Amino acid sequence: MQRTKKAEFINRLSELKYLNDWISKDPEHILFIYGPKSSGKTTLLHKFIENHLTNKLFNIKHFNLRKMLIVNYSDFI
């Protein structure tokens, strides 16, 4: 039997509000989300998509850049 531990999702209301406000403005730019390793960035995005984007059409891309050194936004681009 394979068990997976689902990450806890607590105290992220301000981040969810920011994402909702950002996407409500019909953005034309990339939103670059960064933070310490294992800080919940991917879990935050999955929760946002699950709760806010289920009935909408968006082209969402996810890149796992864990093995790349990215110091600033220009490194990402």
PDB file of N, CA and C in Angstrom:
ATOM      1  N   MET A   1       0.835  -1.170   0.000  1.00  0.00           N
ATOM      2  CA  MET A   1       0.000   0.000   0.000  1.00  0.00           C
ATOM      3  C   MET A   1       0.887   1.243   0.000  1.00  0.00           C
ATOM      4  N   GLN A   2       0.579   2.165  -0.887  1.00  0.00           N
ATOM      5  CA  GLN A   2       1.359   3.394  -0.985  1.00  0.00           C
ATOM      6  C   GLN A   2       0.613   4.520  -0.283  1.00  0.00           C
ATOM      7  N   ARG A   3       1.312   5.218   0.586  1.00  0.00           N
ATOM      8  CA  ARG A   3       0.703   6.339   1.297  1.00  0.00           C
ATOM      9  C   ARG A   3       1.420   7.615   0.901  1.00  0.00           C
ATOM     10  N   THR A   4       0.645   8.641   0.715  1.00  0.00           N
ATOM     11  CA  THR A   4       1.237   9.951   0.457  1.00  0.00           C
ATOM     12  C   THR A   4       0.727  10.912   1.510  1.00  0.00           C
ATOM     13  N   LYS A   5       1.602  11.720   1.986  1.00  0.00           N
ATOM     14  CA  LYS A   5       1.225  12.711   2.985  1.00  0.00           C
ATOM     15  C   LYS A   5       0.855  13.994   2.261  1.00  0.00           C
ATOM     16  N   LYS A   6      -0.369  14.433   2.456  1.00  0.00           N
ATOM     17  CA  LYS A   6      -0.814  15.679   1.848  1.00  0.00           C
ATOM     18  C   LYS A   6      -0.335  16.834   2.721  1.00  0.00           C
ATOM     19  N   ALA A   7       0.227  17.834   2.086  1.00  0.00           N
ATOM     20  CA  ALA A   7       0.746  18.982   2.821  1.00  0.00           C
ATOM     21  C   ALA A   7      -0.385  19.738   3.503  1.00  0.00           C
ATOM     22  N   GLU A   8      -0.136  20.157   4.736  1.00  0.00           N
ATOM     23  CA  GLU A   8      -1.123  20.963   5.440  1.00  0.00           C
ATOM     24  C   GLU A   8      -1.219  22.321   4.773  1.00  0.00           C
ATOM     25  N   PHE A   9      -2.427  22.871   4.813  1.00  0.00           N
ATOM     26  CA  PHE A   9      -2.647  24.162   4.189  1.00  0.00           C
ATOM     27  C   PHE A   9      -3.278  25.074   5.224  1.00  0.00           C
ATOM     28  N   ILE A  10      -2.461  25.882   5.859  1.00  0.00           N
ATOM     29  CA  ILE A  10      -2.964  26.759   6.912  1.00  0.00           C
ATOM     30  C   ILE A  10      -2.419  28.168   6.727  1.00  0.00           C
ATOM     31  N   ASN A  11      -3.231  29.123   7.127  1.00  0.00           N
ATOM     32  CA  ASN A  11      -2.824  30.530   7.198  1.00  0.00           C
ATOM     33  C   ASN A  11      -2.270  31.069   5.881  1.00  0.00           C
ATOM     34  N   ARG A  12      -2.948  30.788   4.774  1.00  0.00           N
ATOM     35  CA  ARG A  12      -2.499  31.294   3.472  1.00  0.00           C
ATOM     36  C   ARG A  12      -3.567  32.173   2.817  1.00  0.00           C
ATOM     37  N   LEU A  13      -4.479  32.720   3.621  1.00  0.00           N
ATOM     38  CA  LEU A  13      -5.585  33.506   3.074  1.00  0.00           C
ATOM     39  C   LEU A  13      -5.099  34.746   2.333  1.00  0.00           C
ATOM     40  N   SER A  14      -4.072  35.410   2.836  1.00  0.00           N
ATOM     41  CA  SER A  14      -3.590  36.624   2.162  1.00  0.00           C
ATOM     42  C   SER A  14      -2.985  36.285   0.801  1.00  0.00           C
ATOM     43  N   GLU A  15      -2.296  35.148   0.709  1.00  0.00           N
ATOM     44  CA  GLU A  15      -1.726  34.738  -0.576  1.00  0.00           C
ATOM     45  C   GLU A  15      -2.824  34.361  -1.567  1.00  0.00           C
ATOM     46  N   LEU A  16      -3.855  33.653  -1.092  1.00  0.00           N
ATOM     47  CA  LEU A  16      -4.982  33.303  -1.967  1.00  0.00           C
ATOM     48  C   LEU A  16      -5.699  34.556  -2.457  1.00  0.00           C
ATOM     49  N   LYS A  17      -5.858  35.544  -1.564  1.00  0.00           N
ATOM     50  CA  LYS A  17      -6.498  36.802  -1.961  1.00  0.00           C
ATOM     51  C   LYS A  17      -5.657  37.510  -3.020  1.00  0.00           C
ATOM     52  N   TYR A  18      -4.345  37.536  -2.832  1.00  0.00           N
ATOM     53  CA  TYR A  18      -3.466  38.168  -3.811  1.00  0.00           C
ATOM     54  C   TYR A  18      -3.609  37.496  -5.176  1.00  0.00           C
ATOM     55  N   LEU A  19      -3.580  36.164  -5.202  1.00  0.00           N
ATOM     56  CA  LEU A  19      -3.723  35.439  -6.467  1.00  0.00           C
ATOM     57  C   LEU A  19      -5.069  35.725  -7.115  1.00  0.00           C
ATOM     58  N   ASN A  20      -6.126  35.744  -6.320  1.00  0.00           N
ATOM     59  CA  ASN A  20      -7.455  36.020  -6.855  1.00  0.00           C
ATOM     60  C   ASN A  20      -7.537  37.436  -7.420  1.00  0.00           C
ATOM     61  N   ASP A  21      -7.008  38.409  -6.703  1.00  0.00           N
ATOM     62  CA  ASP A  21      -6.994  39.795  -7.192  1.00  0.00           C
ATOM     63  C   ASP A  21      -6.180  39.902  -8.474  1.00  0.00           C
ATOM     64  N   TRP A  22      -5.039  39.242  -8.508  1.00  0.00           N
ATOM     65  CA  TRP A  22      -4.159  39.308  -9.674  1.00  0.00           C
ATOM     66  C   TRP A  22      -4.838  38.725 -10.906  1.00  0.00           C
ATOM     67  N   ILE A  23      -5.437  37.565 -10.771  1.00  0.00           N
ATOM     68  CA  ILE A  23      -6.026  36.904 -11.933  1.00  0.00           C
ATOM     69  C   ILE A  23      -7.332  37.569 -12.358  1.00  0.00           C
ATOM     70  N   SER A  24      -7.997  38.264 -11.433  1.00  0.00           N
ATOM     71  CA  SER A  24      -9.234  38.977 -11.762  1.00  0.00           C
ATOM     72  C   SER A  24      -8.978  40.168 -12.679  1.00  0.00           C
ATOM     73  N   LYS A  25      -7.748  40.646 -12.721  1.00  0.00           N
ATOM     74  CA  LYS A  25      -7.397  41.803 -13.554  1.00  0.00           C
ATOM     75  C   LYS A  25      -7.037  41.404 -14.974  1.00  0.00           C
ATOM     76  N   ASP A  26      -7.295  40.142 -15.342  1.00  0.00           N
ATOM     77  CA  ASP A  26      -6.995  39.637 -16.687  1.00  0.00           C
ATOM     78  C   ASP A  26      -5.530  39.925 -17.045  1.00  0.00           C
ATOM     79  N   PRO A  27      -4.606  39.311 -16.327  1.00  0.00           N
ATOM     80  CA  PRO A  27      -3.176  39.628 -16.472  1.00  0.00           C
ATOM     81  C   PRO A  27      -2.613  39.274 -17.843  1.00  0.00           C
ATOM     82  N   GLU A  28      -1.640  40.067 -18.244  1.00  0.00           N
ATOM     83  CA  GLU A  28      -0.928  39.822 -19.497  1.00  0.00           C
ATOM     84  C   GLU A  28       0.524  39.438 -19.242  1.00  0.00           C
ATOM     85  N   HIS A  29       0.910  39.367 -17.988  1.00  0.00           N
ATOM     86  CA  HIS A  29       2.298  39.089 -17.627  1.00  0.00           C
ATOM     87  C   HIS A  29       2.392  37.790 -16.836  1.00  0.00           C
ATOM     88  N   ILE A  30       3.580  37.262 -16.740  1.00  0.00           N
ATOM     89  CA  ILE A  30       3.857  36.060 -15.964  1.00  0.00           C
ATOM     90  C   ILE A  30       3.876  36.418 -14.481  1.00  0.00           C
ATOM     91  N   LEU A  31       3.277  35.575 -13.680  1.00  0.00           N
ATOM     92  CA  LEU A  31       3.385  35.717 -12.232  1.00  0.00           C
ATOM     93  C   LEU A  31       4.469  34.750 -11.761  1.00  0.00           C
ATOM     94  N   PHE A  32       5.524  35.279 -11.216  1.00  0.00           N
ATOM     95  CA  PHE A  32       6.671  34.492 -10.766  1.00  0.00           C
ATOM     96  C   PHE A  32       6.544  34.296  -9.264  1.00  0.00           C
ATOM     97  N   ILE A  33       6.318  33.076  -8.833  1.00  0.00           N
ATOM     98  CA  ILE A  33       6.169  32.773  -7.413  1.00  0.00           C
ATOM     99  C   ILE A  33       7.441  32.073  -6.945  1.00  0.00           C
ATOM    100  N   TYR A  34       8.060  32.621  -5.935  1.00  0.00           N
ATOM    101  CA  TYR A  34       9.307  32.044  -5.448  1.00  0.00           C
ATOM    102  C   TYR A  34       9.308  32.048  -3.920  1.00  0.00           C
ATOM    103  N   GLY A  35      10.148  31.240  -3.361  1.00  0.00           N
ATOM    104  CA  GLY A  35      10.272  31.169  -1.912  1.00  0.00           C
ATOM    105  C   GLY A  35      11.184  30.019  -1.541  1.00  0.00           C
ATOM    106  N   PRO A  36      11.422  29.849  -0.257  1.00  0.00           N
ATOM    107  CA  PRO A  36      12.291  28.765   0.198  1.00  0.00           C
ATOM    108  C   PRO A  36      11.763  27.393  -0.223  1.00  0.00           C
ATOM    109  N   LYS A  37      12.668  26.473  -0.374  1.00  0.00           N
ATOM    110  CA  LYS A  37      12.328  25.099  -0.717  1.00  0.00           C
ATOM    111  C   LYS A  37      11.329  24.543   0.301  1.00  0.00           C
ATOM    112  N   SER A  38      10.312  23.865  -0.213  1.00  0.00           N
ATOM    113  CA  SER A  38       9.288  23.208   0.621  1.00  0.00           C
ATOM    114  C   SER A  38       8.494  24.185   1.479  1.00  0.00           C
ATOM    115  N   SER A  39       8.308  25.410   0.992  1.00  0.00           N
ATOM    116  CA  SER A  39       7.536  26.397   1.751  1.00  0.00           C
ATOM    117  C   SER A  39       6.058  26.407   1.375  1.00  0.00           C
ATOM    118  N   GLY A  40       5.654  25.578   0.410  1.00  0.00           N
ATOM    119  CA  GLY A  40       4.236  25.470   0.077  1.00  0.00           C
ATOM    120  C   GLY A  40       3.808  26.206  -1.175  1.00  0.00           C
ATOM    121  N   LYS A  41       4.735  26.559  -2.031  1.00  0.00           N
ATOM    122  CA  LYS A  41       4.393  27.295  -3.260  1.00  0.00           C
ATOM    123  C   LYS A  41       3.480  26.474  -4.167  1.00  0.00           C
ATOM    124  N   THR A  42       3.839  25.246  -4.421  1.00  0.00           N
ATOM    125  CA  THR A  42       3.041  24.389  -5.305  1.00  0.00           C
ATOM    126  C   THR A  42       1.700  24.062  -4.665  1.00  0.00           C
ATOM    127  N   THR A  43       1.691  23.787  -3.370  1.00  0.00           N
ATOM    128  CA  THR A  43       0.436  23.510  -2.669  1.00  0.00           C
ATOM    129  C   THR A  43      -0.488  24.713  -2.736  1.00  0.00           C
ATOM    130  N   LEU A  44       0.062  25.905  -2.571  1.00  0.00           N
ATOM    131  CA  LEU A  44      -0.730  27.132  -2.676  1.00  0.00           C
ATOM    132  C   LEU A  44      -1.381  27.238  -4.050  1.00  0.00           C
ATOM    133  N   LEU A  45      -0.622  27.000  -5.095  1.00  0.00           N
ATOM    134  CA  LEU A  45      -1.175  27.093  -6.447  1.00  0.00           C
ATOM    135  C   LEU A  45      -2.229  26.026  -6.707  1.00  0.00           C
ATOM    136  N   HIS A  46      -1.987  24.815  -6.249  1.00  0.00           N
ATOM    137  CA  HIS A  46      -2.982  23.754  -6.427  1.00  0.00           C
ATOM    138  C   HIS A  46      -4.281  24.101  -5.707  1.00  0.00           C
ATOM    139  N   LYS A  47      -4.178  24.632  -4.497  1.00  0.00           N
ATOM    140  CA  LYS A  47      -5.366  25.014  -3.732  1.00  0.00           C
ATOM    141  C   LYS A  47      -6.103  26.151  -4.433  1.00  0.00           C
ATOM    142  N   PHE A  48      -5.364  27.125  -4.948  1.00  0.00           N
ATOM    143  CA  PHE A  48      -5.988  28.247  -5.654  1.00  0.00           C
ATOM    144  C   PHE A  48      -6.727  27.761  -6.895  1.00  0.00           C
ATOM    145  N   ILE A  49      -6.092  26.918  -7.678  1.00  0.00           N
ATOM    146  CA  ILE A  49      -6.722  26.386  -8.891  1.00  0.00           C
ATOM    147  C   ILE A  49      -7.967  25.585  -8.524  1.00  0.00           C
ATOM    148  N   GLU A  50      -7.856  24.751  -7.522  1.00  0.00           N
ATOM    149  CA  GLU A  50      -8.968  23.906  -7.087  1.00  0.00           C
ATOM    150  C   GLU A  50     -10.169  24.736  -6.630  1.00  0.00           C
ATOM    151  N   ASN A  51      -9.925  25.833  -5.922  1.00  0.00           N
ATOM    152  CA  ASN A  51     -11.007  26.622  -5.335  1.00  0.00           C
ATOM    153  C   ASN A  51     -11.497  27.771  -6.200  1.00  0.00           C
ATOM    154  N   HIS A  52     -10.678  28.272  -7.110  1.00  0.00           N
ATOM    155  CA  HIS A  52     -11.044  29.494  -7.820  1.00  0.00           C
ATOM    156  C   HIS A  52     -11.134  29.362  -9.333  1.00  0.00           C
ATOM    157  N   LEU A  53     -10.524  28.374  -9.916  1.00  0.00           N
ATOM    158  CA  LEU A  53     -10.456  28.335 -11.376  1.00  0.00           C
ATOM    159  C   LEU A  53     -11.134  27.121 -11.993  1.00  0.00           C
ATOM    160  N   THR A  54     -11.998  26.456 -11.265  1.00  0.00           N
ATOM    161  CA  THR A  54     -12.576  25.212 -11.781  1.00  0.00           C
ATOM    162  C   THR A  54     -13.477  25.423 -12.984  1.00  0.00           C
ATOM    163  N   ASN A  55     -14.158  26.549 -13.072  1.00  0.00           N
ATOM    164  CA  ASN A  55     -15.099  26.783 -14.170  1.00  0.00           C
ATOM    165  C   ASN A  55     -14.582  27.789 -15.189  1.00  0.00           C
ATOM    166  N   LYS A  56     -13.316  28.098 -15.147  1.00  0.00           N
ATOM    167  CA  LYS A  56     -12.755  29.108 -16.044  1.00  0.00           C
ATOM    168  C   LYS A  56     -11.681  28.489 -16.920  1.00  0.00           C
ATOM    169  N   LEU A  57     -11.450  29.123 -18.045  1.00  0.00           N
ATOM    170  CA  LEU A  57     -10.458  28.619 -18.986  1.00  0.00           C
ATOM    171  C   LEU A  57      -9.174  29.438 -18.867  1.00  0.00           C
ATOM    172  N   PHE A  58      -8.130  28.804 -18.391  1.00  0.00           N
ATOM    173  CA  PHE A  58      -6.822  29.430 -18.286  1.00  0.00           C
ATOM    174  C   PHE A  58      -5.786  28.449 -18.798  1.00  0.00           C
ATOM    175  N   ASN A  59      -4.713  28.969 -19.315  1.00  0.00           N
ATOM    176  CA  ASN A  59      -3.603  28.140 -19.758  1.00  0.00           C
ATOM    177  C   ASN A  59      -2.531  28.210 -18.673  1.00  0.00           C
ATOM    178  N   ILE A  60      -2.503  27.230 -17.813  1.00  0.00           N
ATOM    179  CA  ILE A  60      -1.617  27.236 -16.654  1.00  0.00           C
ATOM    180  C   ILE A  60      -0.418  26.337 -16.929  1.00  0.00           C
ATOM    181  N   LYS A  61       0.763  26.881 -16.707  1.00  0.00           N
ATOM    182  CA  LYS A  61       2.010  26.124 -16.885  1.00  0.00           C
ATOM    183  C   LYS A  61       2.724  26.038 -15.545  1.00  0.00           C
ATOM    184  N   HIS A  62       3.295  24.900 -15.272  1.00  0.00           N
ATOM    185  CA  HIS A  62       4.046  24.697 -14.040  1.00  0.00           C
ATOM    186  C   HIS A  62       5.430  24.177 -14.409  1.00  0.00           C
ATOM    187  N   PHE A  63       6.448  24.837 -13.918  1.00  0.00           N
ATOM    188  CA  PHE A  63       7.825  24.421 -14.165  1.00  0.00           C
ATOM    189  C   PHE A  63       8.486  24.125 -12.831  1.00  0.00           C
ATOM    190  N   ASN A  64       9.050  22.950 -12.700  1.00  0.00           N
ATOM    191  CA  ASN A  64       9.790  22.617 -11.498  1.00  0.00           C
ATOM    192  C   ASN A  64      11.233  23.061 -11.701  1.00  0.00           C
ATOM    193  N   LEU A  65      11.599  24.135 -11.034  1.00  0.00           N
ATOM    194  CA  LEU A  65      12.935  24.714 -11.191  1.00  0.00           C
ATOM    195  C   LEU A  65      13.812  24.440  -9.973  1.00  0.00           C
ATOM    196  N   ARG A  66      13.469  23.424  -9.222  1.00  0.00           N
ATOM    197  CA  ARG A  66      14.177  23.128  -7.981  1.00  0.00           C
ATOM    198  C   ARG A  66      15.671  22.902  -8.191  1.00  0.00           C
ATOM    199  N   LYS A  67      16.062  22.336  -9.309  1.00  0.00           N
ATOM    200  CA  LYS A  67      17.482  22.033  -9.536  1.00  0.00           C
ATOM    201  C   LYS A  67      18.220  23.148 -10.274  1.00  0.00           C
ATOM    202  N   MET A  68      17.556  24.268 -10.496  1.00  0.00           N
ATOM    203  CA  MET A  68      18.194  25.385 -11.197  1.00  0.00           C
ATOM    204  C   MET A  68      18.452  26.520 -10.211  1.00  0.00           C
ATOM    205  N   LEU A  69      19.560  27.212 -10.397  1.00  0.00           N
ATOM    206  CA  LEU A  69      19.865  28.365  -9.563  1.00  0.00           C
ATOM    207  C   LEU A  69      19.202  29.594 -10.177  1.00  0.00           C
ATOM    208  N   ILE A  70      18.215  30.103  -9.486  1.00  0.00           N
ATOM    209  CA  ILE A  70      17.518  31.309  -9.939  1.00  0.00           C
ATOM    210  C   ILE A  70      17.625  32.327  -8.818  1.00  0.00           C
ATOM    211  N   VAL A  71      18.318  33.402  -9.103  1.00  0.00           N
ATOM    212  CA  VAL A  71      18.560  34.420  -8.095  1.00  0.00           C
ATOM    213  C   VAL A  71      17.560  35.557  -8.211  1.00  0.00           C
ATOM    214  N   ASN A  72      17.134  35.853  -9.431  1.00  0.00           N
ATOM    215  CA  ASN A  72      16.196  36.954  -9.623  1.00  0.00           C
ATOM    216  C   ASN A  72      15.289  36.667 -10.824  1.00  0.00           C
ATOM    217  N   TYR A  73      14.395  37.588 -11.102  1.00  0.00           N
ATOM    218  CA  TYR A  73      13.405  37.410 -12.160  1.00  0.00           C
ATOM    219  C   TYR A  73      14.059  37.236 -13.528  1.00  0.00           C
ATOM    220  N   SER A  74      15.117  37.976 -13.802  1.00  0.00           N
ATOM    221  CA  SER A  74      15.761  37.872 -15.118  1.00  0.00           C
ATOM    222  C   SER A  74      16.391  36.489 -15.325  1.00  0.00           C
ATOM    223  N   ASP A  75      16.816  35.833 -14.264  1.00  0.00           N
ATOM    224  CA  ASP A  75      17.312  34.459 -14.391  1.00  0.00           C
ATOM    225  C   ASP A  75      16.199  33.516 -14.833  1.00  0.00           C
ATOM    226  N   PHE A  76      15.001  33.786 -14.384  1.00  0.00           N
ATOM    227  CA  PHE A  76      13.848  32.951 -14.733  1.00  0.00           C
ATOM    228  C   PHE A  76      13.492  33.099 -16.203  1.00  0.00           C
ATOM    229  N   ILE A  77      13.519  34.325 -16.694  1.00  0.00           N
ATOM    230  CA  ILE A  77      13.164  34.598 -18.091  1.00  0.00           C
ATOM    231  C   ILE A  77      14.281  34.109 -18.978  1.00  0.00           C
TER     232      ILE A  77
END
